[in-house]
Each structure stands twice: as C-alpha cells, then as structure tokens.
C-alpha cells in the first residue's frame, strides 16, 4: 500500500468514526508536510477562498467545509451509503477554488458544482478509491446545489438528471448539512432549512410521479 492509499484510509477512518472530523482535518493539514502537495492542495486551497459574508458568515470555504463534515457526521447513518456521503460532504465545494470570482464587487462561485464533479473524481482517483465510490461522490458533488434551484424554481434545476444519477434522500441530507454548515445554531434557522429540504423532497417525488418541474 502506497502513501496516498494510507492517507485515503486515514481520511476515511476519521470521516466515518469521529464525532467531529474537523478536529482531525484541521490538525493534519497543519502538521503533515505531504498534504501541502497535489492532490491535497485541492482541499487546502479552500482556506484561501473567501465567500460572501451575507450568505456565509462562517468565513472561507475551508471553515464551511469543516462545519459540513461535522454536521454530516451526526447524520451519516441516515444515508444509503455513509462512506460516499461523508466523502461528498468533504469534497462538495472543492470546485469553488477555480469557480470563485469577484463580480461587480460581489464574491460568486458560479458552476462550482460542475467544476467539483471533475475535481472530486481526480482527487479520489489519486488516492486510489474504487470506481463505485468515485462515481457516487462525484455525482453528489455535481448535484448538491439542486436544493436551491428546485426550491426557488430556478431554470438551473434539473430533477430529471439528478434523480437518474443520485438518491433523492441522500441529496436532501447532504443539502441540509450544507445549509447548516453556515454556522446556524438557532432552532428557528435550523427549522427553516429543514422546511426547505422537505419542499425539495416533495418536488422531486412529484417529478417521479409524473408531475415534472
């Protein structure tokens, strides 16, 4: 087993077993020299990527990702594949590195889900993950923004492709963790996000019953 495979197994162990995986990831990315090299820079570079303070008061993309994996760790057993779910939580915003731009004074990250699909594949391939996990994770990364598009009836919504490539309930769970990864703690804020997830699931199920968006 090579060094990259060892790191892959260590990452996965902490994603699957830790109550707060962020403690491990924050520590290891400071202490381990190997993680300053590709492919790990795809993750560590998230520390350099700022986000809109209006939508992301938690700060940069790394801070957000750590909150998402911690929320994911609490809920992973509700997913159909906890391993793929937790890798998707870790890699869901990896595409924000190339996607983030300043437009008219605003921080945007258009199409980071599309960038992220390929980048998550590249990352996991480098670490020696099996093709099944790579496919599941990359598709969850690709479609993780659909909750916003579907709930708001935006033209970017594509339920047809999403349901063909992912599990609706897993996407809803990842979306909830993504939304909670903004540092939300109040019961009202959490309830509002849970309501959005319910709307998302119902719209997807309506589509599956023949009532297309």
C-alpha atoms as a PDB file:
ATOM      1  CA  UNK A   1       0.000   0.000   0.000  1.00  0.00           C
ATOM      2  CA  UNK A   2       1.452   3.382  -1.011  1.00  0.00           C
ATOM      3  CA  UNK A   3       1.448   6.632   0.941  1.00  0.00           C
ATOM      4  CA  UNK A   4      -1.584   8.068  -0.844  1.00  0.00           C
ATOM      5  CA  UNK A   5      -3.641   4.963  -0.080  1.00  0.00           C
ATOM      6  CA  UNK A   6      -2.613   5.180   3.568  1.00  0.00           C
ATOM      7  CA  UNK A   7      -3.780   8.779   3.708  1.00  0.00           C
ATOM      8  CA  UNK A   8      -7.022   7.829   1.973  1.00  0.00           C
ATOM      9  CA  UNK A   9      -7.700   5.204   4.624  1.00  0.00           C
ATOM     10  CA  UNK A  10      -6.837   7.632   7.436  1.00  0.00           C
ATOM     11  CA  UNK A  11      -9.171  10.276   5.987  1.00  0.00           C
ATOM     12  CA  UNK A  12     -11.945   7.745   5.635  1.00  0.00           C
ATOM     13  CA  UNK A  13     -11.440   6.374   9.142  1.00  0.00           C
ATOM     14  CA  UNK A  14     -11.885   9.819  10.671  1.00  0.00           C
ATOM     15  CA  UNK A  15     -14.805  10.694   8.396  1.00  0.00           C
ATOM     16  CA  UNK A  16     -16.571   7.526   9.463  1.00  0.00           C
ATOM     17  CA  UNK A  17     -15.630   7.260  13.127  1.00  0.00           C
ATOM     18  CA  UNK A  18     -15.114  10.761  14.539  1.00  0.00           C
ATOM     19  CA  UNK A  19     -17.882  12.723  16.188  1.00  0.00           C
ATOM     20  CA  UNK A  20     -16.208  15.901  14.909  1.00  0.00           C
ATOM     21  CA  UNK A  21     -13.988  15.039  11.917  1.00  0.00           C
ATOM     22  CA  UNK A  22     -12.995  18.703  11.620  1.00  0.00           C
ATOM     23  CA  UNK A  23     -10.663  18.325  14.600  1.00  0.00           C
ATOM     24  CA  UNK A  24      -8.591  15.767  12.711  1.00  0.00           C
ATOM     25  CA  UNK A  25      -8.621  17.622   9.388  1.00  0.00           C
ATOM     26  CA  UNK A  26      -7.691  20.959  10.918  1.00  0.00           C
ATOM     27  CA  UNK A  27      -4.792  19.322  12.727  1.00  0.00           C
ATOM     28  CA  UNK A  28      -3.474  17.097   9.944  1.00  0.00           C
ATOM     29  CA  UNK A  29      -3.474  19.855   7.335  1.00  0.00           C
ATOM     30  CA  UNK A  30      -1.265  21.924   9.646  1.00  0.00           C
ATOM     31  CA  UNK A  31       1.118  19.161  10.688  1.00  0.00           C
ATOM     32  CA  UNK A  32       1.592  16.818   7.720  1.00  0.00           C
ATOM     33  CA  UNK A  33       4.020  18.092   5.021  1.00  0.00           C
ATOM     34  CA  UNK A  34       2.677  15.634   2.432  1.00  0.00           C
ATOM     35  CA  UNK A  35      -0.663  17.442   2.481  1.00  0.00           C
ATOM     36  CA  UNK A  36       0.954  20.584   1.093  1.00  0.00           C
ATOM     37  CA  UNK A  37       1.289  18.805  -2.266  1.00  0.00           C
ATOM     38  CA  UNK A  38      -1.151  17.793  -5.006  1.00  0.00           C
ATOM     39  CA  UNK A  39      -3.808  16.374  -4.799  1.00  0.00           C
ATOM     40  CA  UNK A  40      -4.274  17.642  -1.246  1.00  0.00           C
ATOM     41  CA  UNK A  41      -3.881  21.241  -2.352  1.00  0.00           C
ATOM     42  CA  UNK A  42      -7.334  20.856  -3.885  1.00  0.00           C
ATOM     43  CA  UNK A  43      -8.569  20.830  -0.292  1.00  0.00           C
ATOM     44  CA  UNK A  44      -6.040  23.073   1.455  1.00  0.00           C
ATOM     45  CA  UNK A  45      -6.594  25.808  -1.145  1.00  0.00           C
ATOM     46  CA  UNK A  46     -10.131  26.130   0.216  1.00  0.00           C
ATOM     47  CA  UNK A  47      -8.579  28.110   3.080  1.00  0.00           C
ATOM     48  CA  UNK A  48      -7.725  30.850   0.592  1.00  0.00           C
ATOM     49  CA  UNK A  49     -11.207  31.129  -0.886  1.00  0.00           C
ATOM     50  CA  UNK A  50     -13.428  33.723   0.751  1.00  0.00           C
ATOM     51  CA  UNK A  51     -17.202  33.670   0.497  1.00  0.00           C
ATOM     52  CA  UNK A  52     -19.995  36.209   0.580  1.00  0.00           C
ATOM     53  CA  UNK A  53     -20.297  37.274   4.237  1.00  0.00           C
ATOM     54  CA  UNK A  54     -24.036  37.717   3.713  1.00  0.00           C
ATOM     55  CA  UNK A  55     -24.539  34.058   2.819  1.00  0.00           C
ATOM     56  CA  UNK A  56     -21.530  32.565   4.617  1.00  0.00           C
ATOM     57  CA  UNK A  57     -20.826  34.281   7.934  1.00  0.00           C
ATOM     58  CA  UNK A  58     -18.642  31.308   8.896  1.00  0.00           C
ATOM     59  CA  UNK A  59     -15.904  32.647   6.614  1.00  0.00           C
ATOM     60  CA  UNK A  60     -13.819  30.885   3.983  1.00  0.00           C
ATOM     61  CA  UNK A  61     -14.691  27.663   2.165  1.00  0.00           C
ATOM     62  CA  UNK A  62     -12.489  25.557   4.438  1.00  0.00           C
ATOM     63  CA  UNK A  63     -14.358  26.765   7.540  1.00  0.00           C
ATOM     64  CA  UNK A  64     -17.637  25.975   5.811  1.00  0.00           C
ATOM     65  CA  UNK A  65     -16.452  22.518   4.752  1.00  0.00           C
ATOM     66  CA  UNK A  66     -15.406  21.646   8.284  1.00  0.00           C
ATOM     67  CA  UNK A  67     -18.842  22.593   9.584  1.00  0.00           C
ATOM     68  CA  UNK A  68     -20.459  20.491   6.861  1.00  0.00           C
ATOM     69  CA  UNK A  69     -18.432  17.367   7.686  1.00  0.00           C
ATOM     70  CA  UNK A  70     -19.249  17.785  11.377  1.00  0.00           C
ATOM     71  CA  UNK A  71     -22.956  18.079  10.586  1.00  0.00           C
ATOM     72  CA  UNK A  72     -22.581  15.123   8.242  1.00  0.00           C
ATOM     73  CA  UNK A  73     -21.000  13.007  10.943  1.00  0.00           C
ATOM     74  CA  UNK A  74     -24.122  13.465  13.051  1.00  0.00           C
ATOM     75  CA  UNK A  75     -26.420  12.370  10.228  1.00  0.00           C
ATOM     76  CA  UNK A  76     -24.435   9.941   8.063  1.00  0.00           C
ATOM     77  CA  UNK A  77     -26.252   6.873   9.348  1.00  0.00           C
ATOM     78  CA  UNK A  78     -29.417   8.208   7.707  1.00  0.00           C
ATOM     79  CA  UNK A  79     -27.800   7.987   4.265  1.00  0.00           C
ATOM     80  CA  UNK A  80     -27.903   4.984   1.959  1.00  0.00           C
ATOM     81  CA  UNK A  81     -24.099   4.915   1.762  1.00  0.00           C
ATOM     82  CA  UNK A  82     -22.442   6.663   4.735  1.00  0.00           C
ATOM     83  CA  UNK A  83     -18.954   6.346   3.226  1.00  0.00           C
ATOM     84  CA  UNK A  84     -19.883   8.079  -0.033  1.00  0.00           C
ATOM     85  CA  UNK A  85     -21.974  10.593   1.889  1.00  0.00           C
ATOM     86  CA  UNK A  86     -19.080  11.675   4.103  1.00  0.00           C
ATOM     87  CA  UNK A  87     -16.638  11.936   1.196  1.00  0.00           C
ATOM     88  CA  UNK A  88     -19.201  14.100  -0.597  1.00  0.00           C
ATOM     89  CA  UNK A  89     -19.501  16.302   2.480  1.00  0.00           C
ATOM     90  CA  UNK A  90     -15.725  16.782   2.483  1.00  0.00           C
ATOM     91  CA  UNK A  91     -15.454  17.441  -1.269  1.00  0.00           C
ATOM     92  CA  UNK A  92     -18.769  19.148  -2.056  1.00  0.00           C
ATOM     93  CA  UNK A  93     -17.280  22.648  -2.501  1.00  0.00           C
ATOM     94  CA  UNK A  94     -13.897  21.666  -3.921  1.00  0.00           C
ATOM     95  CA  UNK A  95     -14.900  23.352  -7.180  1.00  0.00           C
ATOM     96  CA  UNK A  96     -15.021  26.770  -5.528  1.00  0.00           C
ATOM     97  CA  UNK A  97     -11.258  27.156  -5.981  1.00  0.00           C
ATOM     98  CA  UNK A  98     -11.460  27.672  -9.766  1.00  0.00           C
ATOM     99  CA  UNK A  99     -15.050  28.969  -9.751  1.00  0.00           C
ATOM    100  CA  UNK A 100     -14.810  31.824  -7.249  1.00  0.00           C
ATOM    101  CA  UNK A 101     -14.653  35.291  -8.806  1.00  0.00           C
ATOM    102  CA  UNK A 102     -15.320  38.879  -7.839  1.00  0.00           C
ATOM    103  CA  UNK A 103     -18.129  40.237  -9.998  1.00  0.00           C
ATOM    104  CA  UNK A 104     -19.266  43.839  -9.521  1.00  0.00           C
ATOM    105  CA  UNK A 105     -17.909  43.798  -6.000  1.00  0.00           C
ATOM    106  CA  UNK A 106     -19.602  40.510  -5.102  1.00  0.00           C
ATOM    107  CA  UNK A 107     -18.000  37.142  -4.405  1.00  0.00           C
ATOM    108  CA  UNK A 108     -19.544  34.490  -6.634  1.00  0.00           C
ATOM    109  CA  UNK A 109     -18.831  30.808  -7.319  1.00  0.00           C
ATOM    110  CA  UNK A 110     -20.993  30.039 -10.336  1.00  0.00           C
ATOM    111  CA  UNK A 111     -20.775  26.454 -11.597  1.00  0.00           C
ATOM    112  CA  UNK A 112     -18.635  25.278  -8.686  1.00  0.00           C
ATOM    113  CA  UNK A 113     -20.802  22.165  -8.634  1.00  0.00           C
ATOM    114  CA  UNK A 114     -19.769  21.380 -12.220  1.00  0.00           C
ATOM    115  CA  UNK A 115     -16.095  22.081 -11.540  1.00  0.00           C
ATOM    116  CA  UNK A 116     -16.394  19.998  -8.392  1.00  0.00           C
ATOM    117  CA  UNK A 117     -17.652  16.907 -10.180  1.00  0.00           C
ATOM    118  CA  UNK A 118     -14.401  16.547 -12.123  1.00  0.00           C
ATOM    119  CA  UNK A 119     -12.158  17.683  -9.275  1.00  0.00           C
ATOM    120  CA  UNK A 120     -13.668  15.219  -6.804  1.00  0.00           C
ATOM    121  CA  UNK A 121     -13.107  12.439  -9.331  1.00  0.00           C
ATOM    122  CA  UNK A 122      -9.488  13.486  -9.805  1.00  0.00           C
ATOM    123  CA  UNK A 123      -8.912  13.729  -6.057  1.00  0.00           C
ATOM    124  CA  UNK A 124     -10.327  10.311  -5.246  1.00  0.00           C
ATOM    125  CA  UNK A 125      -8.604   8.627  -8.193  1.00  0.00           C
ATOM    126  CA  UNK A 126      -5.247   9.935  -6.983  1.00  0.00           C
ATOM    127  CA  UNK A 127      -5.928   8.389  -3.573  1.00  0.00           C
ATOM    128  CA  UNK A 128      -6.894   5.020  -5.053  1.00  0.00           C
ATOM    129  CA  UNK A 129     -10.613   4.998  -4.269  1.00  0.00           C
ATOM    130  CA  UNK A 130     -12.722   2.420  -6.070  1.00  0.00           C
ATOM    131  CA  UNK A 131     -14.799   3.439  -9.079  1.00  0.00           C
ATOM    132  CA  UNK A 132     -18.135   2.928  -7.338  1.00  0.00           C
ATOM    133  CA  UNK A 133     -17.288   5.397  -4.576  1.00  0.00           C
ATOM    134  CA  UNK A 134     -15.765   7.843  -7.068  1.00  0.00           C
ATOM    135  CA  UNK A 135     -18.944   7.808  -9.150  1.00  0.00           C
ATOM    136  CA  UNK A 136     -21.299   8.196  -6.189  1.00  0.00           C
ATOM    137  CA  UNK A 137     -19.309  11.004  -4.592  1.00  0.00           C
ATOM    138  CA  UNK A 138     -18.741  12.964  -7.795  1.00  0.00           C
ATOM    139  CA  UNK A 139     -22.438  12.836  -8.688  1.00  0.00           C
ATOM    140  CA  UNK A 140     -23.429  14.052  -5.231  1.00  0.00           C
ATOM    141  CA  UNK A 141     -20.943  16.896  -5.596  1.00  0.00           C
ATOM    142  CA  UNK A 142     -22.354  17.678  -9.044  1.00  0.00           C
ATOM    143  CA  UNK A 143     -25.935  17.954  -7.841  1.00  0.00           C
ATOM    144  CA  UNK A 144     -25.520  19.400  -4.339  1.00  0.00           C
ATOM    145  CA  UNK A 145     -26.819  22.839  -5.398  1.00  0.00           C
ATOM    146  CA  UNK A 146     -30.110  21.490  -6.694  1.00  0.00           C
ATOM    147  CA  UNK A 147     -31.980  22.168  -3.462  1.00  0.00           C
ATOM    148  CA  UNK A 148     -31.592  25.900  -4.067  1.00  0.00           C
ATOM    149  CA  UNK A 149     -32.555  25.639  -7.731  1.00  0.00           C
ATOM    150  CA  UNK A 150     -35.521  23.342  -7.142  1.00  0.00           C
ATOM    151  CA  UNK A 151     -37.000  25.131  -4.132  1.00  0.00           C
ATOM    152  CA  UNK A 152     -36.755  28.518  -5.865  1.00  0.00           C
ATOM    153  CA  UNK A 153     -37.936  27.156  -9.242  1.00  0.00           C
ATOM    154  CA  UNK A 154     -34.796  28.430 -10.939  1.00  0.00           C
ATOM    155  CA  UNK A 155     -34.002  27.466 -14.543  1.00  0.00           C
ATOM    156  CA  UNK A 156     -30.863  25.627 -13.401  1.00  0.00           C
ATOM    157  CA  UNK A 157     -32.998  22.937 -11.764  1.00  0.00           C
ATOM    158  CA  UNK A 158     -32.644  19.550 -13.436  1.00  0.00           C
ATOM    159  CA  UNK A 159     -34.507  16.987 -11.400  1.00  0.00           C
ATOM    160  CA  UNK A 160     -34.537  14.522 -14.273  1.00  0.00           C
ATOM    161  CA  UNK A 161     -30.756  14.129 -14.399  1.00  0.00           C
ATOM    162  CA  UNK A 162     -30.294  14.391 -10.660  1.00  0.00           C
ATOM    163  CA  UNK A 163     -32.697  11.561  -9.847  1.00  0.00           C
ATOM    164  CA  UNK A 164     -31.100   9.447 -12.592  1.00  0.00           C
ATOM    165  CA  UNK A 165     -27.647   9.851 -11.055  1.00  0.00           C
ATOM    166  CA  UNK A 166     -28.214  10.144  -7.301  1.00  0.00           C
ATOM    167  CA  UNK A 167     -30.529   9.207  -4.457  1.00  0.00           C
ATOM    168  CA  UNK A 168     -33.006  11.980  -3.578  1.00  0.00           C
ATOM    169  CA  UNK A 169     -32.893  11.346   0.157  1.00  0.00           C
ATOM    170  CA  UNK A 170     -29.090  11.365   0.186  1.00  0.00           C
ATOM    171  CA  UNK A 171     -29.066  14.646  -1.734  1.00  0.00           C
ATOM    172  CA  UNK A 172     -31.571  16.123   0.698  1.00  0.00           C
ATOM    173  CA  UNK A 173     -29.415  15.061   3.639  1.00  0.00           C
ATOM    174  CA  UNK A 174     -26.243  16.484   2.082  1.00  0.00           C
ATOM    175  CA  UNK A 175     -28.098  19.691   1.259  1.00  0.00           C
ATOM    176  CA  UNK A 176     -29.247  20.019   4.856  1.00  0.00           C
ATOM    177  CA  UNK A 177     -25.686  19.617   6.128  1.00  0.00           C
ATOM    178  CA  UNK A 178     -24.507  22.137   3.531  1.00  0.00           C
ATOM    179  CA  UNK A 179     -27.051  24.692   4.702  1.00  0.00           C
ATOM    180  CA  UNK A 180     -26.283  24.047   8.372  1.00  0.00           C
ATOM    181  CA  UNK A 181     -22.592  24.497   7.542  1.00  0.00           C
ATOM    182  CA  UNK A 182     -23.113  28.238   7.746  1.00  0.00           C
ATOM    183  CA  UNK A 183     -22.865  28.142  11.499  1.00  0.00           C
ATOM    184  CA  UNK A 184     -26.630  28.069  12.051  1.00  0.00           C
ATOM    185  CA  UNK A 185     -27.500  27.211  15.635  1.00  0.00           C
ATOM    186  CA  UNK A 186     -30.917  28.673  16.435  1.00  0.00           C
ATOM    187  CA  UNK A 187     -33.926  26.382  16.387  1.00  0.00           C
ATOM    188  CA  UNK A 188     -35.706  28.764  14.013  1.00  0.00           C
ATOM    189  CA  UNK A 189     -32.864  28.808  11.481  1.00  0.00           C
ATOM    190  CA  UNK A 190     -32.486  25.030  11.573  1.00  0.00           C
ATOM    191  CA  UNK A 191     -36.256  24.556  11.210  1.00  0.00           C
ATOM    192  CA  UNK A 192     -36.274  26.841   8.161  1.00  0.00           C
ATOM    193  CA  UNK A 193     -33.582  24.739   6.475  1.00  0.00           C
ATOM    194  CA  UNK A 194     -35.399  21.522   7.326  1.00  0.00           C
ATOM    195  CA  UNK A 195     -38.529  23.001   5.730  1.00  0.00           C
ATOM    196  CA  UNK A 196     -36.599  23.741   2.526  1.00  0.00           C
ATOM    197  CA  UNK A 197     -35.384  20.151   2.472  1.00  0.00           C
ATOM    198  CA  UNK A 198     -38.969  18.932   2.839  1.00  0.00           C
ATOM    199  CA  UNK A 199     -40.059  21.113  -0.095  1.00  0.00           C
ATOM    200  CA  UNK A 200     -37.157  19.801  -2.162  1.00  0.00           C
ATOM    201  CA  UNK A 201     -38.012  16.152  -1.466  1.00  0.00           C
ATOM    202  CA  UNK A 202     -41.692  16.691  -2.230  1.00  0.00           C
ATOM    203  CA  UNK A 203     -40.933  18.383  -5.557  1.00  0.00           C
ATOM    204  CA  UNK A 204     -38.583  15.582  -6.524  1.00  0.00           C
ATOM    205  CA  UNK A 205     -41.151  12.959  -5.614  1.00  0.00           C
ATOM    206  CA  UNK A 206     -43.798  14.829  -7.582  1.00  0.00           C
ATOM    207  CA  UNK A 207     -41.483  14.641 -10.575  1.00  0.00           C
ATOM    208  CA  UNK A 208     -41.030  10.900 -10.119  1.00  0.00           C
ATOM    209  CA  UNK A 209     -44.825  10.550 -10.039  1.00  0.00           C
ATOM    210  CA  UNK A 210     -45.053  12.312 -13.384  1.00  0.00           C
ATOM    211  CA  UNK A 211     -45.518  15.949 -12.329  1.00  0.00           C
ATOM    212  CA  UNK A 212     -42.382  17.428 -13.874  1.00  0.00           C
ATOM    213  CA  UNK A 213     -40.919  20.687 -12.589  1.00  0.00           C
END
